[in-house]
Amino acid sequence: MRQACVQLRRRTFSAVPSLSKVPQITLYFWIIKILTTAAGEAMSDYLVHRLNPYLAVGIGFVAFVIAMAVQLKVRQYIPWVYWLAVLMVAVFGTMTADVLHIQFRVPYVVSTIFFAVTLVVIFTVWQRSEHTLSIHSIVTRRRELFYWAAVLATFAMGTALGDLTAYTAKLGFLSSGIIFAVVFLVPAIAYRFFNANAIFTFWFAYVMTRPLGASFADWTGKTHAAGGLDWGDAPVASVLVLAIAGFVAYVSARRVDRQAPTTVSG
């Protein structure tokens, strides 16, 4: 009887509501996510071309570490903390992919495959460890670490993929952006009308947001000679950051992107 009471207390103690560390998936999530990918591309390119590349990467890494430390320290989803972390992942992830190509002469097709394999490995280990890849289950430190590792890999892979279509395949920024916009809509249609797996379609769309946002950021920011509108990386990045801040302020005030507490049993 005593042993049964002890086990009951343990189950009661461990089966407590746990707050998610990530937002609810809404239209606002996808809008802000695409804006962060575009801003990360523009900010990364501006820093790398205006500063010493090694110094720029160092700054990007430090900003990434600080933002991630703050995100990991908080115990629940806080919009500005979460989206700051995503933005810094966007900047550093872009730099990571660009360094492989520019400094080590790794072809875009090779780096795209490399980061794709890295992402598959992360998902495989994550699934075997936690038995789910659902964004609605990010309620423990280990799951959060898996989540952010996957996010970083998607940004690096998306950067390489976008450059692959724009430069190697010679499609240009605008054509690449249109193609990725169409591909981005495929999982939404598959989920809505064909009952496709929610987790697969989410991560498929998530990966596509990176080359989608980056392609349009390059199209607006790069010179006419490079196939862009020549608005400049700095102005493009500034406008995008302001747009991100506006949307984050809105979801914070309206609380439209909060997930309900999840019960975790031990």
C-alpha atoms as a PDB file:
ATOM      1  CA  MET A   1       0.000   0.000   0.000  1.00  0.00           C
ATOM      2  CA  ARG A   2       2.814   2.367   0.923  1.00  0.00           C
ATOM      3  CA  GLN A   3       4.670   1.597  -2.306  1.00  0.00           C
ATOM      4  CA  ALA A   4       1.506   2.299  -4.317  1.00  0.00           C
ATOM      5  CA  CYS A   5       1.119   5.697  -2.620  1.00  0.00           C
ATOM      6  CA  VAL A   6       4.739   6.596  -3.409  1.00  0.00           C
ATOM      7  CA  GLN A   7       4.276   5.682  -7.075  1.00  0.00           C
ATOM      8  CA  LEU A   8       1.034   7.694  -7.207  1.00  0.00           C
ATOM      9  CA  ARG A   9       2.790  10.747  -5.760  1.00  0.00           C
ATOM     10  CA  ARG A  10       5.586  10.411  -8.317  1.00  0.00           C
ATOM     11  CA  ARG A  11       3.132  10.205 -11.200  1.00  0.00           C
ATOM     12  CA  THR A  12       1.162  13.172  -9.872  1.00  0.00           C
ATOM     13  CA  PHE A  13       4.318  15.221  -9.418  1.00  0.00           C
ATOM     14  CA  SER A  14       5.648  14.462 -12.899  1.00  0.00           C
ATOM     15  CA  ALA A  15       2.347  14.895 -14.714  1.00  0.00           C
ATOM     16  CA  VAL A  16       2.375  18.687 -14.539  1.00  0.00           C
ATOM     17  CA  PRO A  17       1.480  21.275 -17.154  1.00  0.00           C
ATOM     18  CA  SER A  18       4.551  22.467 -19.050  1.00  0.00           C
ATOM     19  CA  LEU A  19       4.650  25.670 -21.057  1.00  0.00           C
ATOM     20  CA  SER A  20       5.811  25.548 -24.652  1.00  0.00           C
ATOM     21  CA  LYS A  21       8.961  27.419 -25.653  1.00  0.00           C
ATOM     22  CA  VAL A  22       7.761  28.053 -29.219  1.00  0.00           C
ATOM     23  CA  PRO A  23       4.742  29.868 -30.709  1.00  0.00           C
ATOM     24  CA  GLN A  24       1.491  28.475 -32.014  1.00  0.00           C
ATOM     25  CA  ILE A  25       1.537  27.941 -35.775  1.00  0.00           C
ATOM     26  CA  THR A  26      -0.624  30.703 -37.203  1.00  0.00           C
ATOM     27  CA  LEU A  27      -0.510  32.959 -40.244  1.00  0.00           C
ATOM     28  CA  TYR A  28       1.512  35.405 -38.145  1.00  0.00           C
ATOM     29  CA  PHE A  29       4.110  32.696 -37.505  1.00  0.00           C
ATOM     30  CA  TRP A  30       4.714  32.194 -41.227  1.00  0.00           C
ATOM     31  CA  ILE A  31       4.779  35.920 -41.966  1.00  0.00           C
ATOM     32  CA  ILE A  32       7.358  36.634 -39.263  1.00  0.00           C
ATOM     33  CA  LYS A  33       9.366  33.548 -40.185  1.00  0.00           C
ATOM     34  CA  ILE A  34       9.687  34.618 -43.830  1.00  0.00           C
ATOM     35  CA  LEU A  35      10.557  38.167 -42.771  1.00  0.00           C
ATOM     36  CA  THR A  36      13.340  36.872 -40.490  1.00  0.00           C
ATOM     37  CA  THR A  37      14.835  34.754 -43.271  1.00  0.00           C
ATOM     38  CA  ALA A  38      14.879  37.749 -45.592  1.00  0.00           C
ATOM     39  CA  ALA A  39      16.303  40.039 -42.901  1.00  0.00           C
ATOM     40  CA  GLY A  40      18.959  37.483 -41.979  1.00  0.00           C
ATOM     41  CA  GLU A  41      20.117  37.303 -45.599  1.00  0.00           C
ATOM     42  CA  ALA A  42      20.312  41.080 -45.986  1.00  0.00           C
ATOM     43  CA  MET A  43      21.996  41.637 -42.609  1.00  0.00           C
ATOM     44  CA  SER A  44      24.542  38.886 -43.209  1.00  0.00           C
ATOM     45  CA  ASP A  45      25.477  40.165 -46.661  1.00  0.00           C
ATOM     46  CA  TYR A  46      25.784  43.735 -45.396  1.00  0.00           C
ATOM     47  CA  LEU A  47      28.076  42.769 -42.512  1.00  0.00           C
ATOM     48  CA  VAL A  48      30.262  40.459 -44.583  1.00  0.00           C
ATOM     49  CA  HIS A  49      30.779  43.024 -47.349  1.00  0.00           C
ATOM     50  CA  ARG A  50      31.204  46.080 -45.106  1.00  0.00           C
ATOM     51  CA  LEU A  51      33.422  44.500 -42.457  1.00  0.00           C
ATOM     52  CA  ASN A  52      36.296  42.064 -42.471  1.00  0.00           C
ATOM     53  CA  PRO A  53      34.569  38.718 -43.231  1.00  0.00           C
ATOM     54  CA  TYR A  54      36.171  37.015 -40.230  1.00  0.00           C
ATOM     55  CA  LEU A  55      35.097  39.871 -37.947  1.00  0.00           C
ATOM     56  CA  ALA A  56      31.575  39.745 -39.398  1.00  0.00           C
ATOM     57  CA  VAL A  57      31.291  36.000 -38.775  1.00  0.00           C
ATOM     58  CA  GLY A  58      32.637  36.507 -35.259  1.00  0.00           C
ATOM     59  CA  ILE A  59      30.011  39.169 -34.556  1.00  0.00           C
ATOM     60  CA  GLY A  60      27.310  36.924 -36.013  1.00  0.00           C
ATOM     61  CA  PHE A  61      28.412  34.018 -33.844  1.00  0.00           C
ATOM     62  CA  VAL A  62      28.506  36.080 -30.634  1.00  0.00           C
ATOM     63  CA  ALA A  63      25.049  37.544 -31.345  1.00  0.00           C
ATOM     64  CA  PHE A  64      23.758  34.038 -32.076  1.00  0.00           C
ATOM     65  CA  VAL A  65      25.158  32.636 -28.811  1.00  0.00           C
ATOM     66  CA  ILE A  66      23.729  35.502 -26.727  1.00  0.00           C
ATOM     67  CA  ALA A  67      20.279  35.246 -28.313  1.00  0.00           C
ATOM     68  CA  MET A  68      20.211  31.476 -27.845  1.00  0.00           C
ATOM     69  CA  ALA A  69      21.364  31.770 -24.225  1.00  0.00           C
ATOM     70  CA  VAL A  70      18.486  34.136 -23.470  1.00  0.00           C
ATOM     71  CA  GLN A  71      15.990  31.873 -25.261  1.00  0.00           C
ATOM     72  CA  LEU A  72      17.169  28.784 -23.389  1.00  0.00           C
ATOM     73  CA  LYS A  73      17.095  30.605 -20.059  1.00  0.00           C
ATOM     74  CA  VAL A  74      13.452  31.703 -20.178  1.00  0.00           C
ATOM     75  CA  ARG A  75      10.896  29.103 -19.089  1.00  0.00           C
ATOM     76  CA  GLN A  76       8.148  29.839 -21.560  1.00  0.00           C
ATOM     77  CA  TYR A  77       7.535  31.341 -24.963  1.00  0.00           C
ATOM     78  CA  ILE A  78       8.247  35.074 -25.001  1.00  0.00           C
ATOM     79  CA  PRO A  79       7.699  36.512 -28.492  1.00  0.00           C
ATOM     80  CA  TRP A  80      10.565  39.000 -28.673  1.00  0.00           C
ATOM     81  CA  VAL A  81      13.036  36.532 -27.145  1.00  0.00           C
ATOM     82  CA  TYR A  82      12.019  33.719 -29.488  1.00  0.00           C
ATOM     83  CA  TRP A  83      12.023  35.808 -32.664  1.00  0.00           C
ATOM     84  CA  LEU A  84      15.309  37.484 -31.764  1.00  0.00           C
ATOM     85  CA  ALA A  85      16.806  34.001 -31.525  1.00  0.00           C
ATOM     86  CA  VAL A  86      15.329  33.088 -34.924  1.00  0.00           C
ATOM     87  CA  LEU A  87      16.723  36.270 -36.468  1.00  0.00           C
ATOM     88  CA  MET A  88      20.201  35.606 -35.100  1.00  0.00           C
ATOM     89  CA  VAL A  89      20.016  32.016 -36.350  1.00  0.00           C
ATOM     90  CA  ALA A  90      19.106  33.468 -39.748  1.00  0.00           C
ATOM     91  CA  VAL A  91      22.150  35.738 -39.744  1.00  0.00           C
ATOM     92  CA  PHE A  92      24.616  33.127 -38.479  1.00  0.00           C
ATOM     93  CA  GLY A  93      23.116  30.315 -40.564  1.00  0.00           C
ATOM     94  CA  THR A  94      23.549  32.443 -43.686  1.00  0.00           C
ATOM     95  CA  MET A  95      27.148  33.149 -42.778  1.00  0.00           C
ATOM     96  CA  THR A  96      27.842  29.460 -42.138  1.00  0.00           C
ATOM     97  CA  ALA A  97      26.643  28.455 -45.599  1.00  0.00           C
ATOM     98  CA  ASP A  98      28.415  31.378 -47.286  1.00  0.00           C
ATOM     99  CA  VAL A  99      31.732  30.621 -45.558  1.00  0.00           C
ATOM    100  CA  LEU A 100      31.757  27.094 -46.981  1.00  0.00           C
ATOM    101  CA  HIS A 101      31.360  28.442 -50.501  1.00  0.00           C
ATOM    102  CA  ILE A 102      33.452  31.615 -50.379  1.00  0.00           C
ATOM    103  CA  GLN A 103      36.297  30.599 -48.074  1.00  0.00           C
ATOM    104  CA  PHE A 104      36.490  26.861 -48.776  1.00  0.00           C
ATOM    105  CA  ARG A 105      35.257  26.875 -52.401  1.00  0.00           C
ATOM    106  CA  VAL A 106      32.601  24.252 -51.647  1.00  0.00           C
ATOM    107  CA  PRO A 107      30.073  24.169 -54.546  1.00  0.00           C
ATOM    108  CA  TYR A 108      26.504  25.106 -53.637  1.00  0.00           C
ATOM    109  CA  VAL A 109      25.215  21.691 -54.672  1.00  0.00           C
ATOM    110  CA  VAL A 110      27.651  20.013 -52.279  1.00  0.00           C
ATOM    111  CA  SER A 111      26.844  22.326 -49.356  1.00  0.00           C
ATOM    112  CA  THR A 112      23.113  21.911 -50.005  1.00  0.00           C
ATOM    113  CA  ILE A 113      23.462  18.130 -49.852  1.00  0.00           C
ATOM    114  CA  PHE A 114      25.707  18.363 -46.783  1.00  0.00           C
ATOM    115  CA  PHE A 115      23.242  20.484 -44.816  1.00  0.00           C
ATOM    116  CA  ALA A 116      20.320  18.336 -46.000  1.00  0.00           C
ATOM    117  CA  VAL A 117      22.050  15.223 -44.664  1.00  0.00           C
ATOM    118  CA  THR A 118      22.828  17.083 -41.435  1.00  0.00           C
ATOM    119  CA  LEU A 119      19.151  17.946 -41.073  1.00  0.00           C
ATOM    120  CA  VAL A 120      18.094  14.346 -41.690  1.00  0.00           C
ATOM    121  CA  VAL A 121      20.551  13.151 -39.031  1.00  0.00           C
ATOM    122  CA  ILE A 122      19.171  15.678 -36.522  1.00  0.00           C
ATOM    123  CA  PHE A 123      15.600  14.622 -37.245  1.00  0.00           C
ATOM    124  CA  THR A 124      16.516  10.934 -36.973  1.00  0.00           C
ATOM    125  CA  VAL A 125      18.247  11.319 -33.611  1.00  0.00           C
ATOM    126  CA  TRP A 126      15.469  13.600 -32.372  1.00  0.00           C
ATOM    127  CA  GLN A 127      12.751  11.126 -33.375  1.00  0.00           C
ATOM    128  CA  ARG A 128      14.527   8.165 -31.787  1.00  0.00           C
ATOM    129  CA  SER A 129      15.141  10.110 -28.592  1.00  0.00           C
ATOM    130  CA  GLU A 130      11.794  11.872 -28.144  1.00  0.00           C
ATOM    131  CA  HIS A 131       9.487   9.838 -30.420  1.00  0.00           C
ATOM    132  CA  THR A 132       8.024  13.003 -31.932  1.00  0.00           C
ATOM    133  CA  LEU A 133       9.141  15.934 -34.086  1.00  0.00           C
ATOM    134  CA  SER A 134       6.038  17.981 -33.353  1.00  0.00           C
ATOM    135  CA  ILE A 135       6.557  21.674 -32.698  1.00  0.00           C
ATOM    136  CA  HIS A 136       3.738  21.380 -30.152  1.00  0.00           C
ATOM    137  CA  SER A 137       5.953  19.168 -27.974  1.00  0.00           C
ATOM    138  CA  ILE A 138       8.838  21.600 -27.340  1.00  0.00           C
ATOM    139  CA  VAL A 139       8.376  21.615 -23.562  1.00  0.00           C
ATOM    140  CA  THR A 140      11.669  20.148 -22.299  1.00  0.00           C
ATOM    141  CA  ARG A 141      15.276  21.344 -22.551  1.00  0.00           C
ATOM    142  CA  ARG A 142      16.363  18.352 -24.630  1.00  0.00           C
ATOM    143  CA  ARG A 143      13.552  18.814 -27.145  1.00  0.00           C
ATOM    144  CA  GLU A 144      14.325  22.507 -27.355  1.00  0.00           C
ATOM    145  CA  LEU A 145      17.974  21.777 -28.145  1.00  0.00           C
ATOM    146  CA  PHE A 146      16.927  19.371 -30.890  1.00  0.00           C
ATOM    147  CA  TYR A 147      14.525  22.001 -32.219  1.00  0.00           C
ATOM    148  CA  TRP A 148      17.128  24.748 -32.454  1.00  0.00           C
ATOM    149  CA  ALA A 149      19.692  22.407 -34.004  1.00  0.00           C
ATOM    150  CA  ALA A 150      17.128  21.601 -36.695  1.00  0.00           C
ATOM    151  CA  VAL A 151      16.301  25.286 -37.168  1.00  0.00           C
ATOM    152  CA  LEU A 152      19.978  26.177 -37.651  1.00  0.00           C
ATOM    153  CA  ALA A 153      20.392  23.355 -40.161  1.00  0.00           C
ATOM    154  CA  THR A 154      17.319  24.498 -42.116  1.00  0.00           C
ATOM    155  CA  PHE A 155      18.710  28.028 -42.375  1.00  0.00           C
ATOM    156  CA  ALA A 156      22.110  26.843 -43.586  1.00  0.00           C
ATOM    157  CA  MET A 157      20.549  24.401 -46.040  1.00  0.00           C
ATOM    158  CA  GLY A 158      18.059  26.975 -47.296  1.00  0.00           C
ATOM    159  CA  THR A 159      20.822  29.508 -47.882  1.00  0.00           C
ATOM    160  CA  ALA A 160      22.818  27.044 -49.959  1.00  0.00           C
ATOM    161  CA  LEU A 161      19.692  25.938 -51.844  1.00  0.00           C
ATOM    162  CA  GLY A 162      18.711  29.507 -52.689  1.00  0.00           C
ATOM    163  CA  ASP A 163      22.207  30.307 -53.952  1.00  0.00           C
ATOM    164  CA  LEU A 164      22.202  27.047 -55.915  1.00  0.00           C
ATOM    165  CA  THR A 165      19.138  28.073 -57.919  1.00  0.00           C
ATOM    166  CA  ALA A 166      20.086  31.742 -58.250  1.00  0.00           C
ATOM    167  CA  TYR A 167      23.764  31.351 -59.142  1.00  0.00           C
ATOM    168  CA  THR A 168      24.581  27.782 -60.165  1.00  0.00           C
ATOM    169  CA  ALA A 169      21.326  27.184 -62.055  1.00  0.00           C
ATOM    170  CA  LYS A 170      21.408  30.823 -63.228  1.00  0.00           C
ATOM    171  CA  LEU A 171      17.714  31.389 -62.512  1.00  0.00           C
ATOM    172  CA  GLY A 172      18.295  34.708 -60.784  1.00  0.00           C
ATOM    173  CA  PHE A 173      16.777  36.004 -57.566  1.00  0.00           C
ATOM    174  CA  LEU A 174      13.252  36.804 -58.719  1.00  0.00           C
ATOM    175  CA  SER A 175      12.699  33.532 -60.579  1.00  0.00           C
ATOM    176  CA  SER A 176      14.109  31.595 -57.639  1.00  0.00           C
ATOM    177  CA  GLY A 177      11.821  33.466 -55.252  1.00  0.00           C
ATOM    178  CA  ILE A 178       8.752  32.688 -57.336  1.00  0.00           C
ATOM    179  CA  ILE A 179       9.684  29.008 -57.559  1.00  0.00           C
ATOM    180  CA  PHE A 180      10.213  28.748 -53.802  1.00  0.00           C
ATOM    181  CA  ALA A 181       6.938  30.588 -53.156  1.00  0.00           C
ATOM    182  CA  VAL A 182       5.098  27.957 -55.188  1.00  0.00           C
ATOM    183  CA  VAL A 183       6.948  25.108 -53.486  1.00  0.00           C
ATOM    184  CA  PHE A 184       6.222  26.687 -50.093  1.00  0.00           C
ATOM    185  CA  LEU A 185       2.488  26.436 -50.790  1.00  0.00           C
ATOM    186  CA  VAL A 186       2.647  22.733 -51.737  1.00  0.00           C
ATOM    187  CA  PRO A 187       2.686  21.353 -48.155  1.00  0.00           C
ATOM    188  CA  ALA A 188      -0.166  23.680 -47.143  1.00  0.00           C
ATOM    189  CA  ILE A 189      -2.288  22.356 -50.004  1.00  0.00           C
ATOM    190  CA  ALA A 190      -1.268  18.767 -49.244  1.00  0.00           C
ATOM    191  CA  TYR A 191      -2.212  19.172 -45.584  1.00  0.00           C
ATOM    192  CA  ARG A 192      -5.466  21.022 -46.235  1.00  0.00           C
ATOM    193  CA  PHE A 193      -6.892  18.951 -49.073  1.00  0.00           C
ATOM    194  CA  PHE A 194      -5.074  15.606 -49.007  1.00  0.00           C
ATOM    195  CA  ASN A 195      -4.685  15.008 -45.263  1.00  0.00           C
ATOM    196  CA  ALA A 196      -0.896  14.898 -45.466  1.00  0.00           C
ATOM    197  CA  ASN A 197       1.111  14.354 -42.278  1.00  0.00           C
ATOM    198  CA  ALA A 198       1.103  17.571 -40.233  1.00  0.00           C
ATOM    199  CA  ILE A 199       4.660  17.216 -38.927  1.00  0.00           C
ATOM    200  CA  PHE A 200       6.147  16.475 -42.346  1.00  0.00           C
ATOM    201  CA  THR A 201       4.290  19.317 -44.050  1.00  0.00           C
ATOM    202  CA  PHE A 202       5.292  21.763 -41.307  1.00  0.00           C
ATOM    203  CA  TRP A 203       8.999  21.026 -41.580  1.00  0.00           C
ATOM    204  CA  PHE A 204       8.865  20.945 -45.387  1.00  0.00           C
ATOM    205  CA  ALA A 205       7.310  24.422 -45.415  1.00  0.00           C
ATOM    206  CA  TYR A 206       9.732  25.582 -42.720  1.00  0.00           C
ATOM    207  CA  VAL A 207      12.734  24.637 -44.850  1.00  0.00           C
ATOM    208  CA  MET A 208      11.275  26.450 -47.862  1.00  0.00           C
ATOM    209  CA  THR A 209      10.839  29.729 -45.975  1.00  0.00           C
ATOM    210  CA  ARG A 210      14.615  30.186 -45.947  1.00  0.00           C
ATOM    211  CA  PRO A 211      15.332  30.278 -49.701  1.00  0.00           C
ATOM    212  CA  LEU A 212      11.984  32.020 -50.267  1.00  0.00           C
ATOM    213  CA  GLY A 213      12.764  34.965 -47.999  1.00  0.00           C
ATOM    214  CA  ALA A 214      16.423  35.130 -48.989  1.00  0.00           C
ATOM    215  CA  SER A 215      15.669  35.165 -52.717  1.00  0.00           C
ATOM    216  CA  PHE A 216      13.388  38.187 -52.420  1.00  0.00           C
ATOM    217  CA  ALA A 217      15.822  39.929 -50.041  1.00  0.00           C
ATOM    218  CA  ASP A 218      18.594  39.484 -52.617  1.00  0.00           C
ATOM    219  CA  TRP A 219      16.314  40.572 -55.444  1.00  0.00           C
ATOM    220  CA  THR A 220      15.481  43.849 -53.699  1.00  0.00           C
ATOM    221  CA  GLY A 221      18.898  44.501 -52.189  1.00  0.00           C
ATOM    222  CA  LYS A 222      21.442  43.476 -54.805  1.00  0.00           C
ATOM    223  CA  THR A 223      22.681  45.645 -57.673  1.00  0.00           C
ATOM    224  CA  HIS A 224      21.167  45.800 -61.144  1.00  0.00           C
ATOM    225  CA  ALA A 225      24.249  44.021 -62.482  1.00  0.00           C
ATOM    226  CA  ALA A 226      23.570  41.123 -60.097  1.00  0.00           C
ATOM    227  CA  GLY A 227      19.920  40.954 -61.124  1.00  0.00           C
ATOM    228  CA  GLY A 228      18.452  42.951 -58.232  1.00  0.00           C
ATOM    229  CA  LEU A 229      16.609  46.234 -57.734  1.00  0.00           C
ATOM    230  CA  ASP A 230      19.656  47.871 -56.107  1.00  0.00           C
ATOM    231  CA  TRP A 231      17.850  49.113 -52.999  1.00  0.00           C
ATOM    232  CA  GLY A 232      20.850  48.108 -50.888  1.00  0.00           C
ATOM    233  CA  ASP A 233      21.256  45.433 -48.219  1.00  0.00           C
ATOM    234  CA  ALA A 234      21.192  47.916 -45.329  1.00  0.00           C
ATOM    235  CA  PRO A 235      17.888  49.629 -46.264  1.00  0.00           C
ATOM    236  CA  VAL A 236      16.263  46.267 -47.021  1.00  0.00           C
ATOM    237  CA  ALA A 237      17.438  44.824 -43.697  1.00  0.00           C
ATOM    238  CA  SER A 238      16.245  47.920 -41.822  1.00  0.00           C
ATOM    239  CA  VAL A 239      12.747  47.804 -43.321  1.00  0.00           C
ATOM    240  CA  LEU A 240      12.468  44.064 -42.641  1.00  0.00           C
ATOM    241  CA  VAL A 241      13.579  44.428 -39.012  1.00  0.00           C
ATOM    242  CA  LEU A 242      10.994  47.164 -38.489  1.00  0.00           C
ATOM    243  CA  ALA A 243       8.319  44.922 -40.018  1.00  0.00           C
ATOM    244  CA  ILE A 244       9.373  42.051 -37.749  1.00  0.00           C
ATOM    245  CA  ALA A 245       9.244  44.326 -34.708  1.00  0.00           C
ATOM    246  CA  GLY A 246       5.755  45.467 -35.673  1.00  0.00           C
ATOM    247  CA  PHE A 247       4.378  41.952 -36.055  1.00  0.00           C
ATOM    248  CA  VAL A 248       6.076  40.721 -32.877  1.00  0.00           C
ATOM    249  CA  ALA A 249       4.635  43.668 -30.952  1.00  0.00           C
ATOM    250  CA  TYR A 250       1.189  42.824 -32.328  1.00  0.00           C
ATOM    251  CA  VAL A 251       1.259  39.123 -31.402  1.00  0.00           C
ATOM    252  CA  SER A 252       2.657  40.044 -27.988  1.00  0.00           C
ATOM    253  CA  ALA A 253      -0.155  42.473 -27.304  1.00  0.00           C
ATOM    254  CA  ARG A 254      -2.927  40.288 -28.698  1.00  0.00           C
ATOM    255  CA  ARG A 255      -1.476  36.981 -27.404  1.00  0.00           C
ATOM    256  CA  VAL A 256      -2.654  35.235 -30.567  1.00  0.00           C
ATOM    257  CA  ASP A 257       0.302  32.863 -30.833  1.00  0.00           C
ATOM    258  CA  ARG A 258       0.381  31.234 -27.385  1.00  0.00           C
ATOM    259  CA  GLN A 259       0.166  27.449 -27.152  1.00  0.00           C
ATOM    260  CA  ALA A 260      -1.891  25.873 -24.385  1.00  0.00           C
ATOM    261  CA  PRO A 261       0.124  24.246 -21.554  1.00  0.00           C
ATOM    262  CA  THR A 262       1.048  20.622 -22.276  1.00  0.00           C
ATOM    263  CA  THR A 263       0.891  17.908 -19.624  1.00  0.00           C
ATOM    264  CA  VAL A 264       4.164  16.005 -19.453  1.00  0.00           C
ATOM    265  CA  SER A 265       4.178  12.696 -17.569  1.00  0.00           C
ATOM    266  CA  GLY A 266       7.365  11.330 -16.107  1.00  0.00           C
END
